[in-house]
Amino acid sequence: MSDKKIYILPCSGIGKVYGLLSREAAHKVVLDLEPQHTDIICLASLLLDEVKEQVAGRSVICIDGCPKCCAEKSSVEAGMVVEKKYLTSHFVRKYRGEDPGTGSELTETGKKVVDDIAKTIQADVQEIIQERGEK
């Protein structure tokens, strides 16, 4: 794990559309939009002591699917620095009345929500990099 990379930590809400939105947005950022500056971290891996040691003090952007904020709480417990945090439900509000999909498949609306989340996080990553004085 690179200490300069900004970690993206999505919700694990398996079987829930909000969890799928968070995971898809995280993958879009890490694989397509900011691969050189970001890496994804699995929520469940933060239960392991060796992972906690590796990520303590590292920057993270959390994408939670519900107000329980498991991603944020787990990253704080692991000693990570939460740079930004988001709830997918806040992005879905823009599309009130439209169906984002299910826990296993997104609709066109759901794909738009993923794009909105990913672009927001991409801007955050660029801001953090600029604050650090990196290119």
N, C-alpha and C. Protein backbone atom coordinates (compact mmCIF):
# COMPACT_ATOMS: atom_id res chain seq x y z
N MET A 1 0.84 -1.18 0.00
CA MET A 1 0.00 0.00 0.00
C MET A 1 0.89 1.24 0.00
N SER A 2 0.62 2.13 -0.90
CA SER A 2 1.40 3.35 -1.00
C SER A 2 0.96 4.35 0.06
N ASP A 3 1.92 5.00 0.70
CA ASP A 3 1.55 5.96 1.74
C ASP A 3 1.11 7.30 1.16
N LYS A 4 1.37 7.55 -0.11
CA LYS A 4 0.93 8.81 -0.73
C LYS A 4 -0.45 8.69 -1.35
N LYS A 5 -0.87 7.50 -1.63
CA LYS A 5 -2.18 7.33 -2.27
C LYS A 5 -3.30 7.66 -1.29
N ILE A 6 -4.37 8.14 -1.85
CA ILE A 6 -5.57 8.43 -1.07
C ILE A 6 -6.46 7.21 -1.20
N TYR A 7 -6.83 6.64 -0.09
CA TYR A 7 -7.64 5.44 -0.12
C TYR A 7 -9.12 5.79 -0.22
N ILE A 8 -9.83 5.00 -1.00
CA ILE A 8 -11.26 5.14 -1.14
C ILE A 8 -11.88 3.93 -0.46
N LEU A 9 -12.73 4.19 0.52
CA LEU A 9 -13.33 3.12 1.31
C LEU A 9 -14.84 3.13 1.11
N PRO A 10 -15.36 2.20 0.28
CA PRO A 10 -16.80 2.14 0.06
C PRO A 10 -17.49 1.27 1.11
N CYS A 11 -18.74 1.54 1.28
CA CYS A 11 -19.64 0.74 2.10
C CYS A 11 -19.66 -0.70 1.57
N SER A 12 -19.95 -1.64 2.44
CA SER A 12 -20.06 -3.04 2.01
C SER A 12 -21.50 -3.50 1.94
N GLY A 13 -22.45 -2.62 1.96
CA GLY A 13 -23.87 -2.96 1.99
C GLY A 13 -24.30 -3.94 0.91
N ILE A 14 -23.90 -5.18 1.06
CA ILE A 14 -24.21 -6.21 0.08
C ILE A 14 -25.73 -6.40 0.02
N GLY A 15 -26.27 -6.46 -1.19
CA GLY A 15 -27.69 -6.67 -1.37
C GLY A 15 -28.52 -5.40 -1.28
N LYS A 16 -27.85 -4.27 -1.12
CA LYS A 16 -28.54 -2.99 -1.02
C LYS A 16 -28.04 -2.07 -2.13
N VAL A 17 -28.94 -1.35 -2.75
CA VAL A 17 -28.55 -0.49 -3.86
C VAL A 17 -27.57 0.59 -3.42
N TYR A 18 -27.70 1.11 -2.21
CA TYR A 18 -26.80 2.16 -1.75
C TYR A 18 -25.37 1.63 -1.59
N GLY A 19 -25.23 0.39 -1.17
CA GLY A 19 -23.91 -0.23 -1.10
C GLY A 19 -23.32 -0.43 -2.48
N LEU A 20 -24.14 -0.87 -3.43
CA LEU A 20 -23.66 -1.06 -4.80
C LEU A 20 -23.23 0.28 -5.40
N LEU A 21 -23.99 1.33 -5.15
CA LEU A 21 -23.62 2.66 -5.65
C LEU A 21 -22.26 3.08 -5.11
N SER A 22 -22.03 2.85 -3.82
CA SER A 22 -20.76 3.26 -3.22
C SER A 22 -19.59 2.46 -3.79
N ARG A 23 -19.78 1.16 -3.96
CA ARG A 23 -18.70 0.32 -4.50
C ARG A 23 -18.40 0.67 -5.95
N GLU A 24 -19.43 0.86 -6.75
CA GLU A 24 -19.23 1.20 -8.16
C GLU A 24 -18.54 2.56 -8.30
N ALA A 25 -18.93 3.52 -7.48
CA ALA A 25 -18.29 4.84 -7.53
C ALA A 25 -16.81 4.74 -7.13
N ALA A 26 -16.53 3.96 -6.09
CA ALA A 26 -15.14 3.79 -5.66
C ALA A 26 -14.30 3.17 -6.77
N HIS A 27 -14.82 2.14 -7.40
CA HIS A 27 -14.08 1.50 -8.49
C HIS A 27 -13.88 2.45 -9.67
N LYS A 28 -14.86 3.26 -9.96
CA LYS A 28 -14.73 4.21 -11.07
C LYS A 28 -13.59 5.20 -10.79
N VAL A 29 -13.51 5.68 -9.55
CA VAL A 29 -12.45 6.62 -9.18
C VAL A 29 -11.09 5.93 -9.28
N VAL A 30 -10.97 4.77 -8.67
CA VAL A 30 -9.68 4.09 -8.55
C VAL A 30 -9.21 3.50 -9.89
N LEU A 31 -10.12 2.98 -10.67
CA LEU A 31 -9.72 2.32 -11.92
C LEU A 31 -9.70 3.26 -13.13
N ASP A 32 -10.59 4.26 -13.15
CA ASP A 32 -10.73 5.09 -14.34
C ASP A 32 -10.29 6.54 -14.16
N LEU A 33 -10.72 7.18 -13.09
CA LEU A 33 -10.52 8.63 -12.97
C LEU A 33 -9.20 9.04 -12.32
N GLU A 34 -8.79 8.35 -11.28
CA GLU A 34 -7.59 8.74 -10.53
C GLU A 34 -6.74 7.53 -10.12
N PRO A 35 -6.41 6.66 -11.07
CA PRO A 35 -5.66 5.45 -10.69
C PRO A 35 -4.27 5.73 -10.12
N GLN A 36 -3.65 6.83 -10.53
CA GLN A 36 -2.30 7.13 -10.06
C GLN A 36 -2.28 7.71 -8.65
N HIS A 37 -3.44 8.20 -8.18
CA HIS A 37 -3.47 8.85 -6.87
C HIS A 37 -4.33 8.13 -5.83
N THR A 38 -5.04 7.10 -6.24
CA THR A 38 -5.97 6.46 -5.31
C THR A 38 -5.81 4.94 -5.31
N ASP A 39 -6.32 4.36 -4.26
CA ASP A 39 -6.39 2.91 -4.14
C ASP A 39 -7.64 2.60 -3.34
N ILE A 40 -8.20 1.44 -3.57
CA ILE A 40 -9.41 1.06 -2.84
C ILE A 40 -9.02 0.19 -1.66
N ILE A 41 -9.78 0.30 -0.61
CA ILE A 41 -9.54 -0.56 0.55
C ILE A 41 -10.87 -1.20 0.93
N CYS A 42 -10.82 -2.45 1.25
CA CYS A 42 -12.01 -3.22 1.60
C CYS A 42 -12.34 -3.00 3.08
N LEU A 43 -13.59 -2.71 3.34
CA LEU A 43 -14.03 -2.46 4.71
C LEU A 43 -13.69 -3.62 5.64
N ALA A 44 -13.94 -4.84 5.20
CA ALA A 44 -13.68 -6.01 6.05
C ALA A 44 -12.21 -6.16 6.39
N SER A 45 -11.32 -5.69 5.51
CA SER A 45 -9.89 -5.84 5.78
C SER A 45 -9.44 -5.01 6.98
N LEU A 46 -10.22 -4.00 7.33
CA LEU A 46 -9.85 -3.15 8.47
C LEU A 46 -10.01 -3.85 9.81
N LEU A 47 -10.52 -5.08 9.79
CA LEU A 47 -10.60 -5.87 11.01
C LEU A 47 -9.27 -6.53 11.34
N LEU A 48 -8.38 -6.60 10.36
CA LEU A 48 -7.09 -7.27 10.54
C LEU A 48 -6.05 -6.31 11.12
N ASP A 49 -5.37 -6.73 12.16
CA ASP A 49 -4.37 -5.88 12.80
C ASP A 49 -3.27 -5.44 11.85
N GLU A 50 -2.82 -6.36 10.96
CA GLU A 50 -1.73 -5.99 10.05
C GLU A 50 -2.18 -4.92 9.05
N VAL A 51 -3.44 -4.94 8.66
CA VAL A 51 -3.95 -3.91 7.75
C VAL A 51 -4.07 -2.59 8.51
N LYS A 52 -4.58 -2.64 9.72
CA LYS A 52 -4.69 -1.43 10.54
C LYS A 52 -3.33 -0.75 10.67
N GLU A 53 -2.29 -1.54 10.90
CA GLU A 53 -0.94 -0.99 11.03
C GLU A 53 -0.49 -0.32 9.73
N GLN A 54 -0.84 -0.91 8.60
CA GLN A 54 -0.43 -0.37 7.30
C GLN A 54 -1.15 0.91 6.94
N VAL A 55 -2.41 1.07 7.36
CA VAL A 55 -3.20 2.22 6.93
C VAL A 55 -3.29 3.33 7.97
N ALA A 56 -2.83 3.10 9.18
CA ALA A 56 -2.90 4.13 10.22
C ALA A 56 -2.19 5.39 9.74
N GLY A 57 -2.87 6.52 9.87
CA GLY A 57 -2.32 7.80 9.47
C GLY A 57 -2.47 8.12 7.99
N ARG A 58 -3.02 7.21 7.22
CA ARG A 58 -3.18 7.41 5.77
C ARG A 58 -4.51 8.10 5.47
N SER A 59 -4.53 8.83 4.39
CA SER A 59 -5.74 9.55 3.96
C SER A 59 -6.77 8.61 3.37
N VAL A 60 -8.04 8.89 3.67
CA VAL A 60 -9.13 8.07 3.14
C VAL A 60 -10.34 8.95 2.85
N ILE A 61 -11.05 8.58 1.79
CA ILE A 61 -12.35 9.18 1.49
C ILE A 61 -13.37 8.05 1.64
N CYS A 62 -14.36 8.26 2.49
CA CYS A 62 -15.36 7.23 2.79
C CYS A 62 -16.65 7.48 2.02
N ILE A 63 -17.19 6.39 1.49
CA ILE A 63 -18.48 6.45 0.81
C ILE A 63 -19.41 5.47 1.52
N ASP A 64 -20.28 6.01 2.35
CA ASP A 64 -21.21 5.16 3.10
C ASP A 64 -22.55 5.08 2.41
N GLY A 65 -23.19 3.94 2.54
CA GLY A 65 -24.49 3.73 1.93
C GLY A 65 -25.65 4.12 2.82
N CYS A 66 -25.43 4.15 4.13
CA CYS A 66 -26.51 4.49 5.04
C CYS A 66 -25.97 5.30 6.22
N PRO A 67 -26.86 5.85 7.03
CA PRO A 67 -26.42 6.69 8.15
C PRO A 67 -25.65 5.96 9.25
N LYS A 68 -25.54 4.64 9.17
CA LYS A 68 -24.73 3.93 10.16
C LYS A 68 -23.25 4.27 9.99
N CYS A 69 -22.88 4.68 8.78
CA CYS A 69 -21.52 5.14 8.46
C CYS A 69 -20.43 4.15 8.88
N CYS A 70 -20.62 2.89 8.51
CA CYS A 70 -19.65 1.85 8.85
C CYS A 70 -18.27 2.13 8.26
N ALA A 71 -18.22 2.63 7.04
CA ALA A 71 -16.92 2.92 6.42
C ALA A 71 -16.18 3.99 7.20
N GLU A 72 -16.87 5.07 7.50
CA GLU A 72 -16.23 6.16 8.25
C GLU A 72 -15.78 5.69 9.64
N LYS A 73 -16.69 5.04 10.36
CA LYS A 73 -16.36 4.60 11.72
C LYS A 73 -15.19 3.62 11.72
N SER A 74 -15.18 2.70 10.78
CA SER A 74 -14.10 1.71 10.72
C SER A 74 -12.77 2.35 10.36
N SER A 75 -12.79 3.33 9.48
CA SER A 75 -11.53 3.98 9.11
C SER A 75 -10.98 4.79 10.28
N VAL A 76 -11.83 5.43 11.03
CA VAL A 76 -11.39 6.17 12.21
C VAL A 76 -10.80 5.21 13.23
N GLU A 77 -11.48 4.08 13.46
CA GLU A 77 -10.98 3.08 14.41
C GLU A 77 -9.63 2.51 13.97
N ALA A 78 -9.39 2.47 12.66
CA ALA A 78 -8.13 1.96 12.14
C ALA A 78 -7.04 3.03 12.15
N GLY A 79 -7.38 4.24 12.57
CA GLY A 79 -6.39 5.31 12.66
C GLY A 79 -6.16 6.06 11.36
N MET A 80 -7.07 5.92 10.42
CA MET A 80 -6.93 6.62 9.15
C MET A 80 -7.39 8.08 9.30
N VAL A 81 -6.95 8.93 8.38
CA VAL A 81 -7.34 10.34 8.37
C VAL A 81 -8.46 10.50 7.35
N VAL A 82 -9.68 10.75 7.84
CA VAL A 82 -10.82 10.90 6.96
C VAL A 82 -10.77 12.29 6.34
N GLU A 83 -10.44 12.33 5.07
CA GLU A 83 -10.35 13.61 4.34
C GLU A 83 -11.74 14.10 3.94
N LYS A 84 -12.58 13.20 3.48
CA LYS A 84 -13.95 13.51 3.06
C LYS A 84 -14.82 12.29 3.34
N LYS A 85 -16.12 12.52 3.50
CA LYS A 85 -17.06 11.43 3.73
C LYS A 85 -18.37 11.76 3.05
N TYR A 86 -18.99 10.72 2.49
CA TYR A 86 -20.22 10.91 1.74
C TYR A 86 -21.22 9.81 2.04
N LEU A 87 -22.50 10.16 1.91
CA LEU A 87 -23.59 9.20 1.96
C LEU A 87 -24.17 9.12 0.55
N THR A 88 -24.28 7.92 0.02
CA THR A 88 -24.81 7.77 -1.33
C THR A 88 -26.25 8.30 -1.42
N SER A 89 -26.99 8.19 -0.34
CA SER A 89 -28.38 8.66 -0.36
C SER A 89 -28.49 10.15 -0.67
N HIS A 90 -27.48 10.92 -0.31
CA HIS A 90 -27.51 12.36 -0.61
C HIS A 90 -27.42 12.60 -2.11
N PHE A 91 -26.71 11.75 -2.82
CA PHE A 91 -26.59 11.89 -4.27
C PHE A 91 -27.85 11.41 -4.98
N VAL A 92 -28.51 10.42 -4.39
CA VAL A 92 -29.73 9.87 -4.98
C VAL A 92 -30.86 10.90 -4.93
N ARG A 93 -30.85 11.78 -3.95
CA ARG A 93 -31.91 12.79 -3.80
C ARG A 93 -32.10 13.63 -5.05
N LYS A 94 -31.02 13.87 -5.76
CA LYS A 94 -31.09 14.66 -6.99
C LYS A 94 -32.03 14.01 -8.01
N TYR A 95 -32.19 12.71 -7.90
CA TYR A 95 -33.01 11.94 -8.84
C TYR A 95 -34.29 11.43 -8.17
N ARG A 96 -34.83 12.25 -7.28
CA ARG A 96 -36.03 11.87 -6.52
C ARG A 96 -37.11 11.33 -7.46
N GLY A 97 -37.66 10.20 -7.06
CA GLY A 97 -38.72 9.58 -7.84
C GLY A 97 -38.23 8.61 -8.90
N GLU A 98 -36.93 8.61 -9.14
CA GLU A 98 -36.36 7.69 -10.12
C GLU A 98 -35.73 6.50 -9.40
N ASP A 99 -35.73 5.37 -10.03
CA ASP A 99 -35.22 4.12 -9.45
C ASP A 99 -33.74 3.95 -9.78
N PRO A 100 -32.85 3.91 -8.77
CA PRO A 100 -31.43 3.71 -9.04
C PRO A 100 -31.06 2.25 -9.32
N GLY A 101 -31.94 1.34 -9.00
CA GLY A 101 -31.66 -0.07 -9.25
C GLY A 101 -31.86 -0.92 -8.02
N THR A 102 -31.17 -2.06 -8.02
CA THR A 102 -31.26 -3.01 -6.90
C THR A 102 -29.86 -3.21 -6.31
N GLY A 103 -29.77 -4.09 -5.37
CA GLY A 103 -28.48 -4.40 -4.77
C GLY A 103 -27.52 -5.11 -5.69
N SER A 104 -28.01 -5.58 -6.84
CA SER A 104 -27.13 -6.31 -7.77
C SER A 104 -27.06 -5.70 -9.17
N GLU A 105 -27.94 -4.72 -9.46
CA GLU A 105 -27.91 -4.13 -10.80
C GLU A 105 -28.42 -2.69 -10.76
N LEU A 106 -27.66 -1.80 -11.38
CA LEU A 106 -28.04 -0.40 -11.44
C LEU A 106 -28.84 -0.09 -12.71
N THR A 107 -29.75 0.84 -12.59
CA THR A 107 -30.47 1.36 -13.74
C THR A 107 -29.64 2.49 -14.34
N GLU A 108 -30.13 3.10 -15.40
CA GLU A 108 -29.45 4.26 -15.98
C GLU A 108 -29.35 5.38 -14.95
N THR A 109 -30.38 5.54 -14.14
CA THR A 109 -30.33 6.54 -13.06
C THR A 109 -29.23 6.20 -12.07
N GLY A 110 -29.14 4.94 -11.69
CA GLY A 110 -28.08 4.51 -10.77
C GLY A 110 -26.70 4.79 -11.33
N LYS A 111 -26.53 4.58 -12.63
CA LYS A 111 -25.24 4.86 -13.27
C LYS A 111 -24.93 6.35 -13.24
N LYS A 112 -25.95 7.19 -13.35
CA LYS A 112 -25.75 8.64 -13.24
C LYS A 112 -25.32 9.02 -11.83
N VAL A 113 -25.93 8.37 -10.84
CA VAL A 113 -25.57 8.62 -9.44
C VAL A 113 -24.10 8.24 -9.23
N VAL A 114 -23.69 7.09 -9.75
CA VAL A 114 -22.29 6.65 -9.63
C VAL A 114 -21.37 7.70 -10.24
N ASP A 115 -21.72 8.20 -11.42
CA ASP A 115 -20.90 9.24 -12.06
C ASP A 115 -20.82 10.49 -11.20
N ASP A 116 -21.94 10.90 -10.61
CA ASP A 116 -21.95 12.08 -9.74
C ASP A 116 -21.02 11.90 -8.54
N ILE A 117 -21.13 10.74 -7.90
CA ILE A 117 -20.28 10.46 -6.73
C ILE A 117 -18.81 10.44 -7.15
N ALA A 118 -18.51 9.73 -8.23
CA ALA A 118 -17.12 9.59 -8.68
C ALA A 118 -16.52 10.93 -9.06
N LYS A 119 -17.27 11.78 -9.74
CA LYS A 119 -16.75 13.10 -10.12
C LYS A 119 -16.51 13.98 -8.90
N THR A 120 -17.38 13.86 -7.91
CA THR A 120 -17.19 14.61 -6.67
C THR A 120 -15.91 14.16 -5.98
N ILE A 121 -15.70 12.87 -5.91
CA ILE A 121 -14.50 12.34 -5.26
C ILE A 121 -13.25 12.67 -6.08
N GLN A 122 -13.35 12.64 -7.39
CA GLN A 122 -12.22 13.03 -8.22
C GLN A 122 -11.79 14.46 -7.90
N ALA A 123 -12.75 15.36 -7.76
CA ALA A 123 -12.44 16.74 -7.39
C ALA A 123 -11.78 16.80 -6.02
N ASP A 124 -12.26 15.99 -5.08
CA ASP A 124 -11.65 15.93 -3.75
C ASP A 124 -10.20 15.47 -3.83
N VAL A 125 -9.96 14.45 -4.62
CA VAL A 125 -8.60 13.91 -4.78
C VAL A 125 -7.68 14.99 -5.33
N GLN A 126 -8.14 15.70 -6.35
CA GLN A 126 -7.33 16.77 -6.93
C GLN A 126 -7.04 17.87 -5.90
N GLU A 127 -8.04 18.19 -5.09
CA GLU A 127 -7.86 19.21 -4.05
C GLU A 127 -6.83 18.76 -3.01
N ILE A 128 -6.91 17.52 -2.59
CA ILE A 128 -5.98 16.99 -1.60
C ILE A 128 -4.56 16.98 -2.16
N ILE A 129 -4.42 16.56 -3.39
CA ILE A 129 -3.11 16.52 -4.04
C ILE A 129 -2.53 17.94 -4.11
N GLN A 130 -3.37 18.89 -4.48
CA GLN A 130 -2.92 20.27 -4.58
C GLN A 130 -2.48 20.80 -3.20
N GLU A 131 -3.25 20.49 -2.17
CA GLU A 131 -2.90 20.91 -0.80
C GLU A 131 -1.56 20.31 -0.36
N ARG A 132 -1.28 19.11 -0.80
CA ARG A 132 -0.03 18.44 -0.46
C ARG A 132 1.15 18.96 -1.29
N GLY A 133 0.84 19.69 -2.36
CA GLY A 133 1.89 20.19 -3.24
C GLY A 133 2.39 19.14 -4.20
N GLU A 134 1.56 18.14 -4.49
CA GLU A 134 1.93 17.07 -5.42
C GLU A 134 1.37 17.37 -6.79
N LYS A 135 1.84 16.61 -7.77
CA LYS A 135 1.31 16.74 -9.14
C LYS A 135 0.46 15.56 -9.48
